[in-house]
């Protein structure tokens, strides 16, 4: 576009502010191949510097939660169990996500909870080959082993959660992962980001003077609440599904088993979750109703598969399973309602 100038530069954490009002009025940055810092000024500065934002901490009080990391490998000419499908492999540990990204290339993302093994002493490769490899489908193992053995350094990224926060700083808009993150297992990040861009475009379209900070802040408050119909669904679903897929206690495993059995019933039991996951169905109440339907269905399956003599134990355990379901989803529902 003739009205857009692209400059490649490193932006300083310290944005330029009006000393008396605190308004953000621009940025300091250092262009590539130079050491001289230059400044750009604007009515509104949009910060979209991702999950490792160096700007966020000065404007958002909430802390990023990191419970696991994805370690990525590129598999060459691997044979997929289901062609043209992504697969999630579940075991007694965190999930592994595998999907094709090119004619010959397939990406494998290994989720590791807590502090990951070290790469420098070979612990990470040993973990990949000794712990992760045996859980993979037979046809994937040769290319996975080769990718691990050939890699000099396996790249990683934190799997972060950051609830949305209302933009309250005059002259600044935080978007994308700078402002709001969820576990990337469901791939919902770009869905949320593009939705935010379209919504901001529509809300700011009738603002004739972007220097009118009060009007812009009113629009950003409206943006915060209107985006929830989509983003709360994507955010909560991502966190809840990850909790079930990475089940690390017996109650979560009951919910995990019930979740897949629920999907296998077909009809609305799969159509609605897929619609929610894709961002096509923007109804948080539908998400909540299906989640608790999964919880009750999981309890029913637990009774169905147990010896009738153990039903008294199942009655007691059913309360723990339902409590676990509440612990999984309610904190994220609450986080989405905050400013």
C-alpha atoms as a PDB file:
ATOM      1  CA  UNK A   1       0.000   0.000   0.000  1.00  0.00           C
ATOM      2  CA  UNK A   2       1.292   3.449  -0.936  1.00  0.00           C
ATOM      3  CA  UNK A   3       0.318   4.852   2.474  1.00  0.00           C
ATOM      4  CA  UNK A   4       2.290   2.273   4.478  1.00  0.00           C
ATOM      5  CA  UNK A   5       6.014   2.490   5.184  1.00  0.00           C
ATOM      6  CA  UNK A   6       7.694  -0.634   6.539  1.00  0.00           C
ATOM      7  CA  UNK A   7      10.751  -0.155   8.747  1.00  0.00           C
ATOM      8  CA  UNK A   8      12.705  -3.088  10.183  1.00  0.00           C
ATOM      9  CA  UNK A   9      13.942  -2.081  13.600  1.00  0.00           C
ATOM     10  CA  UNK A  10      14.230  -3.108  17.231  1.00  0.00           C
ATOM     11  CA  UNK A  11      11.765  -1.197  19.395  1.00  0.00           C
ATOM     12  CA  UNK A  12      12.850   0.000  22.817  1.00  0.00           C
ATOM     13  CA  UNK A  13      10.828  -1.146  25.817  1.00  0.00           C
ATOM     14  CA  UNK A  14      10.460   2.469  26.900  1.00  0.00           C
ATOM     15  CA  UNK A  15       7.765   4.001  24.708  1.00  0.00           C
ATOM     16  CA  UNK A  16       7.614   7.758  24.328  1.00  0.00           C
ATOM     17  CA  UNK A  17       5.075   9.312  26.690  1.00  0.00           C
ATOM     18  CA  UNK A  18       3.672  12.759  27.257  1.00  0.00           C
ATOM     19  CA  UNK A  19       5.277  13.772  30.532  1.00  0.00           C
ATOM     20  CA  UNK A  20       2.212  15.553  31.902  1.00  0.00           C
ATOM     21  CA  UNK A  21      -0.651  13.297  30.756  1.00  0.00           C
ATOM     22  CA  UNK A  22       1.058   9.892  30.485  1.00  0.00           C
ATOM     23  CA  UNK A  23      -0.262   9.410  26.927  1.00  0.00           C
ATOM     24  CA  UNK A  24       1.842   7.178  24.685  1.00  0.00           C
ATOM     25  CA  UNK A  25       2.820   9.341  21.727  1.00  0.00           C
ATOM     26  CA  UNK A  26       5.358   7.184  19.904  1.00  0.00           C
ATOM     27  CA  UNK A  27       8.248   4.747  19.981  1.00  0.00           C
ATOM     28  CA  UNK A  28      12.018   4.668  20.084  1.00  0.00           C
ATOM     29  CA  UNK A  29      13.702   2.122  17.849  1.00  0.00           C
ATOM     30  CA  UNK A  30      17.032   1.144  16.351  1.00  0.00           C
ATOM     31  CA  UNK A  31      16.853   0.275  12.624  1.00  0.00           C
ATOM     32  CA  UNK A  32      18.726  -2.713  11.249  1.00  0.00           C
ATOM     33  CA  UNK A  33      22.418  -2.253  10.435  1.00  0.00           C
ATOM     34  CA  UNK A  34      22.648   0.965  12.475  1.00  0.00           C
ATOM     35  CA  UNK A  35      23.216   1.851  16.121  1.00  0.00           C
ATOM     36  CA  UNK A  36      21.497   5.217  15.980  1.00  0.00           C
ATOM     37  CA  UNK A  37      18.157   5.367  17.772  1.00  0.00           C
ATOM     38  CA  UNK A  38      15.315   7.186  16.023  1.00  0.00           C
ATOM     39  CA  UNK A  39      11.787   8.102  17.102  1.00  0.00           C
ATOM     40  CA  UNK A  40       8.391   7.772  15.441  1.00  0.00           C
ATOM     41  CA  UNK A  41       5.309   9.639  16.647  1.00  0.00           C
ATOM     42  CA  UNK A  42       1.637   8.795  16.169  1.00  0.00           C
ATOM     43  CA  UNK A  43      -1.813   9.365  17.651  1.00  0.00           C
ATOM     44  CA  UNK A  44      -2.058   5.635  18.417  1.00  0.00           C
ATOM     45  CA  UNK A  45       0.736   3.092  18.852  1.00  0.00           C
ATOM     46  CA  UNK A  46      -0.254  -0.551  18.281  1.00  0.00           C
ATOM     47  CA  UNK A  47       1.970  -3.051  20.089  1.00  0.00           C
ATOM     48  CA  UNK A  48       1.877  -6.567  18.649  1.00  0.00           C
ATOM     49  CA  UNK A  49       5.224  -7.943  19.803  1.00  0.00           C
ATOM     50  CA  UNK A  50       4.035 -11.434  20.648  1.00  0.00           C
ATOM     51  CA  UNK A  51       4.299 -13.839  23.538  1.00  0.00           C
ATOM     52  CA  UNK A  52       7.658 -12.480  24.711  1.00  0.00           C
ATOM     53  CA  UNK A  53       6.513  -8.866  24.580  1.00  0.00           C
ATOM     54  CA  UNK A  54       8.950  -6.449  26.198  1.00  0.00           C
ATOM     55  CA  UNK A  55       6.300  -3.713  26.255  1.00  0.00           C
ATOM     56  CA  UNK A  56       3.499  -5.581  28.050  1.00  0.00           C
ATOM     57  CA  UNK A  57       4.893  -5.462  31.592  1.00  0.00           C
ATOM     58  CA  UNK A  58       4.623  -1.664  31.843  1.00  0.00           C
ATOM     59  CA  UNK A  59       0.915  -1.669  30.966  1.00  0.00           C
ATOM     60  CA  UNK A  60      -0.587  -5.037  32.006  1.00  0.00           C
ATOM     61  CA  UNK A  61      -0.418  -6.021  35.686  1.00  0.00           C
ATOM     62  CA  UNK A  62      -1.248  -9.699  35.106  1.00  0.00           C
ATOM     63  CA  UNK A  63       1.579 -12.210  35.001  1.00  0.00           C
ATOM     64  CA  UNK A  64       2.027 -14.701  32.162  1.00  0.00           C
ATOM     65  CA  UNK A  65       1.559 -18.303  33.310  1.00  0.00           C
ATOM     66  CA  UNK A  66       3.862 -20.874  31.710  1.00  0.00           C
ATOM     67  CA  UNK A  67       3.214 -24.506  32.659  1.00  0.00           C
ATOM     68  CA  UNK A  68       4.859 -26.257  29.730  1.00  0.00           C
ATOM     69  CA  UNK A  69       6.974 -25.840  26.602  1.00  0.00           C
ATOM     70  CA  UNK A  70       6.604 -27.076  23.045  1.00  0.00           C
ATOM     71  CA  UNK A  71       9.750 -28.549  21.491  1.00  0.00           C
ATOM     72  CA  UNK A  72       9.521 -28.580  17.707  1.00  0.00           C
ATOM     73  CA  UNK A  73      10.989 -31.012  15.188  1.00  0.00           C
ATOM     74  CA  UNK A  74      10.686 -31.142  11.404  1.00  0.00           C
ATOM     75  CA  UNK A  75      10.080 -34.683  10.178  1.00  0.00           C
ATOM     76  CA  UNK A  76      10.974 -35.432   6.568  1.00  0.00           C
ATOM     77  CA  UNK A  77       8.866 -37.770   4.419  1.00  0.00           C
ATOM     78  CA  UNK A  78       7.115 -39.274   7.396  1.00  0.00           C
ATOM     79  CA  UNK A  79       4.145 -41.603   6.933  1.00  0.00           C
ATOM     80  CA  UNK A  80       1.109 -40.236   8.727  1.00  0.00           C
ATOM     81  CA  UNK A  81      -1.503 -42.617  10.215  1.00  0.00           C
ATOM     82  CA  UNK A  82      -4.201 -40.416   8.652  1.00  0.00           C
ATOM     83  CA  UNK A  83      -3.171 -38.569   5.507  1.00  0.00           C
ATOM     84  CA  UNK A  84      -4.005 -34.849   5.449  1.00  0.00           C
ATOM     85  CA  UNK A  85      -4.954 -34.929   9.140  1.00  0.00           C
ATOM     86  CA  UNK A  86      -3.231 -33.556  12.201  1.00  0.00           C
ATOM     87  CA  UNK A  87      -2.954 -36.004  15.071  1.00  0.00           C
ATOM     88  CA  UNK A  88      -2.635 -35.595  18.836  1.00  0.00           C
ATOM     89  CA  UNK A  89      -0.867 -38.444  20.618  1.00  0.00           C
ATOM     90  CA  UNK A  90      -1.852 -38.989  24.243  1.00  0.00           C
ATOM     91  CA  UNK A  91       0.056 -41.047  26.763  1.00  0.00           C
ATOM     92  CA  UNK A  92       0.854 -40.906  30.472  1.00  0.00           C
ATOM     93  CA  UNK A  93       2.687 -37.659  29.746  1.00  0.00           C
ATOM     94  CA  UNK A  94       1.849 -34.399  28.028  1.00  0.00           C
ATOM     95  CA  UNK A  95       0.528 -34.629  24.433  1.00  0.00           C
ATOM     96  CA  UNK A  96       2.446 -34.655  21.159  1.00  0.00           C
ATOM     97  CA  UNK A  97       0.987 -32.781  18.184  1.00  0.00           C
ATOM     98  CA  UNK A  98       1.926 -33.829  14.622  1.00  0.00           C
ATOM     99  CA  UNK A  99       0.723 -32.210  11.387  1.00  0.00           C
ATOM    100  CA  UNK A 100       1.966 -31.810   7.818  1.00  0.00           C
ATOM    101  CA  UNK A 101       3.303 -28.383   6.799  1.00  0.00           C
ATOM    102  CA  UNK A 102       4.646 -29.127   3.300  1.00  0.00           C
ATOM    103  CA  UNK A 103       5.006 -31.741   0.580  1.00  0.00           C
ATOM    104  CA  UNK A 104       7.808 -33.490   2.450  1.00  0.00           C
ATOM    105  CA  UNK A 105       7.781 -31.743   5.828  1.00  0.00           C
ATOM    106  CA  UNK A 106       5.764 -32.623   8.914  1.00  0.00           C
ATOM    107  CA  UNK A 107       5.964 -30.725  12.196  1.00  0.00           C
ATOM    108  CA  UNK A 108       6.069 -32.516  15.540  1.00  0.00           C
ATOM    109  CA  UNK A 109       5.466 -30.504  18.708  1.00  0.00           C
ATOM    110  CA  UNK A 110       6.332 -32.282  21.932  1.00  0.00           C
ATOM    111  CA  UNK A 111       4.767 -30.766  25.030  1.00  0.00           C
ATOM    112  CA  UNK A 112       6.935 -30.995  28.153  1.00  0.00           C
ATOM    113  CA  UNK A 113       5.513 -29.844  31.472  1.00  0.00           C
ATOM    114  CA  UNK A 114       7.547 -28.180  34.182  1.00  0.00           C
ATOM    115  CA  UNK A 115      11.269 -27.588  33.758  1.00  0.00           C
ATOM    116  CA  UNK A 116      12.367 -29.259  30.499  1.00  0.00           C
ATOM    117  CA  UNK A 117      15.474 -31.482  30.239  1.00  0.00           C
ATOM    118  CA  UNK A 118      18.725 -29.763  29.328  1.00  0.00           C
ATOM    119  CA  UNK A 119      19.909 -29.672  25.730  1.00  0.00           C
ATOM    120  CA  UNK A 120      23.558 -29.069  26.614  1.00  0.00           C
ATOM    121  CA  UNK A 121      24.140 -32.418  28.338  1.00  0.00           C
ATOM    122  CA  UNK A 122      21.990 -34.463  25.933  1.00  0.00           C
ATOM    123  CA  UNK A 123      19.147 -35.011  28.429  1.00  0.00           C
ATOM    124  CA  UNK A 124      16.552 -33.617  26.041  1.00  0.00           C
ATOM    125  CA  UNK A 125      17.517 -35.961  23.201  1.00  0.00           C
ATOM    126  CA  UNK A 126      17.527 -38.874  25.614  1.00  0.00           C
ATOM    127  CA  UNK A 127      14.034 -37.919  26.757  1.00  0.00           C
ATOM    128  CA  UNK A 128      12.806 -37.665  23.156  1.00  0.00           C
ATOM    129  CA  UNK A 129      14.222 -41.054  22.167  1.00  0.00           C
ATOM    130  CA  UNK A 130      13.630 -42.941  25.382  1.00  0.00           C
ATOM    131  CA  UNK A 131      10.297 -41.531  26.573  1.00  0.00           C
ATOM    132  CA  UNK A 132       8.490 -39.833  23.673  1.00  0.00           C
ATOM    133  CA  UNK A 133       9.485 -42.101  20.759  1.00  0.00           C
ATOM    134  CA  UNK A 134       7.836 -45.303  22.139  1.00  0.00           C
ATOM    135  CA  UNK A 135       4.475 -43.498  22.452  1.00  0.00           C
ATOM    136  CA  UNK A 136       4.357 -42.531  18.754  1.00  0.00           C
ATOM    137  CA  UNK A 137       2.656 -44.514  15.956  1.00  0.00           C
ATOM    138  CA  UNK A 138       5.003 -47.052  14.328  1.00  0.00           C
ATOM    139  CA  UNK A 139       5.029 -45.286  10.949  1.00  0.00           C
ATOM    140  CA  UNK A 140       6.127 -41.978  12.496  1.00  0.00           C
ATOM    141  CA  UNK A 141       8.997 -43.339  14.601  1.00  0.00           C
ATOM    142  CA  UNK A 142      11.774 -43.618  11.942  1.00  0.00           C
ATOM    143  CA  UNK A 143      11.480 -39.989  10.810  1.00  0.00           C
ATOM    144  CA  UNK A 144      11.095 -38.781  14.408  1.00  0.00           C
ATOM    145  CA  UNK A 145      14.233 -40.643  15.488  1.00  0.00           C
ATOM    146  CA  UNK A 146      16.205 -39.218  12.540  1.00  0.00           C
ATOM    147  CA  UNK A 147      14.996 -35.670  13.262  1.00  0.00           C
ATOM    148  CA  UNK A 148      16.086 -35.946  16.908  1.00  0.00           C
ATOM    149  CA  UNK A 149      19.465 -37.488  16.087  1.00  0.00           C
ATOM    150  CA  UNK A 150      20.237 -34.976  13.311  1.00  0.00           C
ATOM    151  CA  UNK A 151      19.193 -31.848  15.214  1.00  0.00           C
ATOM    152  CA  UNK A 152      21.942 -29.755  16.764  1.00  0.00           C
ATOM    153  CA  UNK A 153      19.471 -27.800  18.874  1.00  0.00           C
ATOM    154  CA  UNK A 154      15.762 -28.479  19.229  1.00  0.00           C
ATOM    155  CA  UNK A 155      13.842 -25.211  19.141  1.00  0.00           C
ATOM    156  CA  UNK A 156      11.301 -24.520  21.838  1.00  0.00           C
ATOM    157  CA  UNK A 157       8.589 -22.062  22.817  1.00  0.00           C
ATOM    158  CA  UNK A 158       6.722 -21.465  26.078  1.00  0.00           C
ATOM    159  CA  UNK A 159       3.061 -22.468  26.189  1.00  0.00           C
ATOM    160  CA  UNK A 160       1.606 -19.434  27.905  1.00  0.00           C
ATOM    161  CA  UNK A 161      -1.696 -18.315  29.355  1.00  0.00           C
ATOM    162  CA  UNK A 162      -2.551 -14.639  29.780  1.00  0.00           C
ATOM    163  CA  UNK A 163      -6.160 -13.533  30.339  1.00  0.00           C
ATOM    164  CA  UNK A 164      -7.350 -10.511  28.345  1.00  0.00           C
ATOM    165  CA  UNK A 165      -6.904  -7.060  29.876  1.00  0.00           C
ATOM    166  CA  UNK A 166      -8.744  -3.896  28.872  1.00  0.00           C
ATOM    167  CA  UNK A 167      -6.542  -1.341  27.072  1.00  0.00           C
ATOM    168  CA  UNK A 168      -6.577   1.645  29.445  1.00  0.00           C
ATOM    169  CA  UNK A 169      -3.433   3.533  28.416  1.00  0.00           C
ATOM    170  CA  UNK A 170      -4.210   6.560  26.197  1.00  0.00           C
ATOM    171  CA  UNK A 171      -2.440   6.304  22.846  1.00  0.00           C
ATOM    172  CA  UNK A 172      -1.597   2.597  23.097  1.00  0.00           C
ATOM    173  CA  UNK A 173      -3.344  -0.560  21.905  1.00  0.00           C
ATOM    174  CA  UNK A 174      -1.976  -4.007  22.780  1.00  0.00           C
ATOM    175  CA  UNK A 175      -3.158  -6.770  20.431  1.00  0.00           C
ATOM    176  CA  UNK A 176      -2.440 -10.432  19.743  1.00  0.00           C
ATOM    177  CA  UNK A 177      -0.254 -12.395  22.137  1.00  0.00           C
ATOM    178  CA  UNK A 178       1.000  -9.149  23.662  1.00  0.00           C
ATOM    179  CA  UNK A 179      -2.379  -8.775  25.344  1.00  0.00           C
ATOM    180  CA  UNK A 180      -3.977 -12.237  25.481  1.00  0.00           C
ATOM    181  CA  UNK A 181      -2.639 -15.800  25.189  1.00  0.00           C
ATOM    182  CA  UNK A 182      -3.928 -19.332  25.486  1.00  0.00           C
ATOM    183  CA  UNK A 183      -2.302 -22.770  25.097  1.00  0.00           C
ATOM    184  CA  UNK A 184      -1.400 -23.245  21.399  1.00  0.00           C
ATOM    185  CA  UNK A 185      -2.530 -26.888  21.302  1.00  0.00           C
ATOM    186  CA  UNK A 186      -5.783 -25.904  19.558  1.00  0.00           C
ATOM    187  CA  UNK A 187      -4.141 -23.371  17.226  1.00  0.00           C
ATOM    188  CA  UNK A 188      -6.521 -20.588  18.253  1.00  0.00           C
ATOM    189  CA  UNK A 189      -4.013 -17.728  18.450  1.00  0.00           C
ATOM    190  CA  UNK A 190      -4.400 -16.410  14.909  1.00  0.00           C
ATOM    191  CA  UNK A 191      -8.177 -16.852  15.046  1.00  0.00           C
ATOM    192  CA  UNK A 192      -8.287 -14.520  18.046  1.00  0.00           C
ATOM    193  CA  UNK A 193      -5.757 -12.089  16.565  1.00  0.00           C
ATOM    194  CA  UNK A 194      -7.540 -11.688  13.221  1.00  0.00           C
ATOM    195  CA  UNK A 195     -10.887 -11.304  14.962  1.00  0.00           C
ATOM    196  CA  UNK A 196      -9.391  -8.557  17.142  1.00  0.00           C
ATOM    197  CA  UNK A 197      -8.022  -6.719  14.102  1.00  0.00           C
ATOM    198  CA  UNK A 198     -11.397  -6.772  12.316  1.00  0.00           C
ATOM    199  CA  UNK A 199     -13.244  -5.673  15.446  1.00  0.00           C
ATOM    200  CA  UNK A 200     -10.805  -2.809  16.107  1.00  0.00           C
ATOM    201  CA  UNK A 201     -11.089  -1.696  12.485  1.00  0.00           C
ATOM    202  CA  UNK A 202     -14.863  -1.511  12.739  1.00  0.00           C
ATOM    203  CA  UNK A 203     -14.899   0.252  16.115  1.00  0.00           C
ATOM    204  CA  UNK A 204     -12.302   2.880  15.180  1.00  0.00           C
ATOM    205  CA  UNK A 205     -13.683   3.508  11.686  1.00  0.00           C
ATOM    206  CA  UNK A 206     -16.009   6.293  12.846  1.00  0.00           C
ATOM    207  CA  UNK A 207     -13.428   8.019  15.067  1.00  0.00           C
ATOM    208  CA  UNK A 208     -12.557  11.150  13.100  1.00  0.00           C
ATOM    209  CA  UNK A 209      -9.761  12.292  15.408  1.00  0.00           C
ATOM    210  CA  UNK A 210      -7.558   9.570  16.902  1.00  0.00           C
ATOM    211  CA  UNK A 211      -6.141  12.187  19.261  1.00  0.00           C
ATOM    212  CA  UNK A 212      -9.506  12.179  21.044  1.00  0.00           C
ATOM    213  CA  UNK A 213      -8.242   9.866  23.782  1.00  0.00           C
ATOM    214  CA  UNK A 214     -11.504   9.723  25.725  1.00  0.00           C
ATOM    215  CA  UNK A 215     -13.441   8.534  22.661  1.00  0.00           C
ATOM    216  CA  UNK A 216     -10.733   6.028  21.692  1.00  0.00           C
ATOM    217  CA  UNK A 217     -10.660   4.608  25.234  1.00  0.00           C
ATOM    218  CA  UNK A 218     -14.449   4.256  25.150  1.00  0.00           C
ATOM    219  CA  UNK A 219     -14.091   2.298  21.908  1.00  0.00           C
ATOM    220  CA  UNK A 220     -11.402   0.101  23.485  1.00  0.00           C
ATOM    221  CA  UNK A 221     -13.679  -0.626  26.448  1.00  0.00           C
ATOM    222  CA  UNK A 222     -16.378  -1.673  23.987  1.00  0.00           C
ATOM    223  CA  UNK A 223     -13.765  -3.750  22.136  1.00  0.00           C
ATOM    224  CA  UNK A 224     -12.850  -5.587  25.350  1.00  0.00           C
ATOM    225  CA  UNK A 225     -16.415  -6.739  25.999  1.00  0.00           C
ATOM    226  CA  UNK A 226     -17.499  -7.374  22.404  1.00  0.00           C
ATOM    227  CA  UNK A 227     -14.535  -9.634  21.614  1.00  0.00           C
ATOM    228  CA  UNK A 228     -15.524 -12.094  24.339  1.00  0.00           C
ATOM    229  CA  UNK A 229     -18.171 -13.901  22.273  1.00  0.00           C
ATOM    230  CA  UNK A 230     -15.335 -15.430  20.230  1.00  0.00           C
ATOM    231  CA  UNK A 231     -12.168 -15.091  22.268  1.00  0.00           C
ATOM    232  CA  UNK A 232     -13.523 -16.438  25.549  1.00  0.00           C
ATOM    233  CA  UNK A 233     -14.675 -19.576  23.708  1.00  0.00           C
ATOM    234  CA  UNK A 234     -11.274 -20.111  22.058  1.00  0.00           C
ATOM    235  CA  UNK A 235      -9.303 -19.260  25.206  1.00  0.00           C
ATOM    236  CA  UNK A 236     -11.313 -21.404  27.632  1.00  0.00           C
ATOM    237  CA  UNK A 237     -11.542 -24.336  25.224  1.00  0.00           C
ATOM    238  CA  UNK A 238      -7.780 -24.299  24.626  1.00  0.00           C
ATOM    239  CA  UNK A 239      -6.998 -24.380  28.340  1.00  0.00           C
ATOM    240  CA  UNK A 240      -9.665 -26.951  29.182  1.00  0.00           C
ATOM    241  CA  UNK A 241      -8.721 -29.337  26.365  1.00  0.00           C
ATOM    242  CA  UNK A 242      -5.054 -29.118  27.291  1.00  0.00           C
ATOM    243  CA  UNK A 243      -5.919 -30.009  30.897  1.00  0.00           C
ATOM    244  CA  UNK A 244      -7.763 -33.115  29.674  1.00  0.00           C
ATOM    245  CA  UNK A 245      -5.168 -34.086  27.061  1.00  0.00           C
ATOM    246  CA  UNK A 246      -2.331 -33.747  29.579  1.00  0.00           C
ATOM    247  CA  UNK A 247      -4.292 -35.559  32.308  1.00  0.00           C
ATOM    248  CA  UNK A 248      -1.934 -36.261  35.191  1.00  0.00           C
ATOM    249  CA  UNK A 249      -4.330 -37.633  37.810  1.00  0.00           C
ATOM    250  CA  UNK A 250      -7.034 -40.293  37.872  1.00  0.00           C
ATOM    251  CA  UNK A 251      -9.977 -37.866  37.942  1.00  0.00           C
ATOM    252  CA  UNK A 252      -8.685 -36.048  34.867  1.00  0.00           C
ATOM    253  CA  UNK A 253      -8.207 -39.386  33.129  1.00  0.00           C
ATOM    254  CA  UNK A 254     -11.886 -40.182  33.768  1.00  0.00           C
ATOM    255  CA  UNK A 255     -12.789 -36.872  32.120  1.00  0.00           C
ATOM    256  CA  UNK A 256     -10.370 -37.532  29.261  1.00  0.00           C
ATOM    257  CA  UNK A 257     -11.942 -40.921  28.534  1.00  0.00           C
ATOM    258  CA  UNK A 258     -15.433 -39.444  28.740  1.00  0.00           C
ATOM    259  CA  UNK A 259     -14.488 -36.560  26.453  1.00  0.00           C
ATOM    260  CA  UNK A 260     -13.480 -38.857  23.583  1.00  0.00           C
ATOM    261  CA  UNK A 261     -16.495 -41.103  24.116  1.00  0.00           C
ATOM    262  CA  UNK A 262     -18.677 -37.997  23.995  1.00  0.00           C
ATOM    263  CA  UNK A 263     -17.148 -36.924  20.660  1.00  0.00           C
ATOM    264  CA  UNK A 264     -17.676 -40.424  19.251  1.00  0.00           C
ATOM    265  CA  UNK A 265     -21.427 -40.116  19.725  1.00  0.00           C
ATOM    266  CA  UNK A 266     -21.403 -37.727  16.748  1.00  0.00           C
ATOM    267  CA  UNK A 267     -24.104 -35.212  15.906  1.00  0.00           C
ATOM    268  CA  UNK A 268     -24.074 -32.076  18.057  1.00  0.00           C
ATOM    269  CA  UNK A 269     -21.655 -33.811  20.414  1.00  0.00           C
ATOM    270  CA  UNK A 270     -18.921 -33.275  17.815  1.00  0.00           C
ATOM    271  CA  UNK A 271     -20.372 -30.576  15.538  1.00  0.00           C
ATOM    272  CA  UNK A 272     -20.657 -27.989  18.319  1.00  0.00           C
ATOM    273  CA  UNK A 273     -17.165 -28.592  19.776  1.00  0.00           C
ATOM    274  CA  UNK A 274     -15.628 -28.361  16.291  1.00  0.00           C
ATOM    275  CA  UNK A 275     -17.602 -25.159  15.632  1.00  0.00           C
ATOM    276  CA  UNK A 276     -16.358 -23.708  18.934  1.00  0.00           C
ATOM    277  CA  UNK A 277     -12.789 -24.792  18.225  1.00  0.00           C
ATOM    278  CA  UNK A 278     -12.772 -23.184  14.766  1.00  0.00           C
ATOM    279  CA  UNK A 279     -14.304 -19.917  15.946  1.00  0.00           C
ATOM    280  CA  UNK A 280     -17.388 -20.409  13.789  1.00  0.00           C
ATOM    281  CA  UNK A 281     -19.677 -20.925  16.787  1.00  0.00           C
ATOM    282  CA  UNK A 282     -19.358 -17.907  19.067  1.00  0.00           C
ATOM    283  CA  UNK A 283     -21.548 -18.866  21.989  1.00  0.00           C
ATOM    284  CA  UNK A 284     -19.834 -19.313  25.375  1.00  0.00           C
ATOM    285  CA  UNK A 285     -22.956 -20.883  26.914  1.00  0.00           C
ATOM    286  CA  UNK A 286     -22.775 -23.680  24.321  1.00  0.00           C
ATOM    287  CA  UNK A 287     -19.190 -24.349  25.422  1.00  0.00           C
ATOM    288  CA  UNK A 288     -20.159 -24.466  29.093  1.00  0.00           C
ATOM    289  CA  UNK A 289     -23.113 -26.773  28.456  1.00  0.00           C
ATOM    290  CA  UNK A 290     -21.022 -29.242  26.433  1.00  0.00           C
ATOM    291  CA  UNK A 291     -18.192 -29.195  28.956  1.00  0.00           C
ATOM    292  CA  UNK A 292     -20.437 -30.140  31.859  1.00  0.00           C
ATOM    293  CA  UNK A 293     -22.269 -32.631  29.643  1.00  0.00           C
ATOM    294  CA  UNK A 294     -18.863 -34.276  29.133  1.00  0.00           C
ATOM    295  CA  UNK A 295     -18.345 -34.284  32.900  1.00  0.00           C
ATOM    296  CA  UNK A 296     -21.642 -36.066  33.573  1.00  0.00           C
ATOM    297  CA  UNK A 297     -21.118 -38.447  30.649  1.00  0.00           C
ATOM    298  CA  UNK A 298     -17.656 -39.276  32.008  1.00  0.00           C
ATOM    299  CA  UNK A 299     -19.189 -40.154  35.361  1.00  0.00           C
ATOM    300  CA  UNK A 300     -21.787 -42.350  33.654  1.00  0.00           C
ATOM    301  CA  UNK A 301     -19.059 -44.198  31.727  1.00  0.00           C
ATOM    302  CA  UNK A 302     -17.145 -44.686  34.976  1.00  0.00           C
ATOM    303  CA  UNK A 303     -20.195 -46.398  36.493  1.00  0.00           C
ATOM    304  CA  UNK A 304     -20.845 -48.385  33.314  1.00  0.00           C
ATOM    305  CA  UNK A 305     -17.325 -49.815  33.186  1.00  0.00           C
ATOM    306  CA  UNK A 306     -17.107 -50.580  36.916  1.00  0.00           C
ATOM    307  CA  UNK A 307     -18.173 -53.732  38.724  1.00  0.00           C
ATOM    308  CA  UNK A 308     -21.572 -53.083  40.395  1.00  0.00           C
ATOM    309  CA  UNK A 309     -19.982 -54.052  43.709  1.00  0.00           C
ATOM    310  CA  UNK A 310     -17.765 -50.952  43.348  1.00  0.00           C
ATOM    311  CA  UNK A 311     -20.610 -48.530  42.675  1.00  0.00           C
ATOM    312  CA  UNK A 312     -20.537 -47.152  46.251  1.00  0.00           C
ATOM    313  CA  UNK A 313     -16.909 -46.178  45.601  1.00  0.00           C
ATOM    314  CA  UNK A 314     -17.912 -44.688  42.232  1.00  0.00           C
ATOM    315  CA  UNK A 315     -20.568 -42.569  43.948  1.00  0.00           C
ATOM    316  CA  UNK A 316     -17.910 -41.009  46.161  1.00  0.00           C
ATOM    317  CA  UNK A 317     -15.488 -40.657  43.277  1.00  0.00           C
ATOM    318  CA  UNK A 318     -18.114 -39.026  41.036  1.00  0.00           C
ATOM    319  CA  UNK A 319     -18.087 -35.999  43.340  1.00  0.00           C
ATOM    320  CA  UNK A 320     -14.309 -35.734  42.942  1.00  0.00           C
ATOM    321  CA  UNK A 321     -14.580 -36.036  39.148  1.00  0.00           C
ATOM    322  CA  UNK A 322     -17.198 -33.284  39.010  1.00  0.00           C
ATOM    323  CA  UNK A 323     -15.114 -31.129  41.364  1.00  0.00           C
ATOM    324  CA  UNK A 324     -12.096 -31.646  39.094  1.00  0.00           C
ATOM    325  CA  UNK A 325     -14.167 -30.567  36.080  1.00  0.00           C
ATOM    326  CA  UNK A 326     -15.119 -27.368  37.917  1.00  0.00           C
ATOM    327  CA  UNK A 327     -11.474 -26.730  38.831  1.00  0.00           C
ATOM    328  CA  UNK A 328     -10.488 -27.174  35.183  1.00  0.00           C
ATOM    329  CA  UNK A 329     -12.921 -24.657  33.677  1.00  0.00           C
ATOM    330  CA  UNK A 330     -14.229 -22.212  36.294  1.00  0.00           C
ATOM    331  CA  UNK A 331     -10.953 -20.293  36.862  1.00  0.00           C
ATOM    332  CA  UNK A 332     -10.710 -19.603  33.135  1.00  0.00           C
ATOM    333  CA  UNK A 333     -14.346 -18.517  32.925  1.00  0.00           C
ATOM    334  CA  UNK A 334     -13.688 -16.117  35.806  1.00  0.00           C
ATOM    335  CA  UNK A 335     -10.486 -14.810  34.173  1.00  0.00           C
ATOM    336  CA  UNK A 336     -12.399 -13.974  30.984  1.00  0.00           C
ATOM    337  CA  UNK A 337     -14.872 -11.810  32.932  1.00  0.00           C
ATOM    338  CA  UNK A 338     -12.215  -9.520  34.392  1.00  0.00           C
ATOM    339  CA  UNK A 339     -10.996  -6.198  33.060  1.00  0.00           C
END
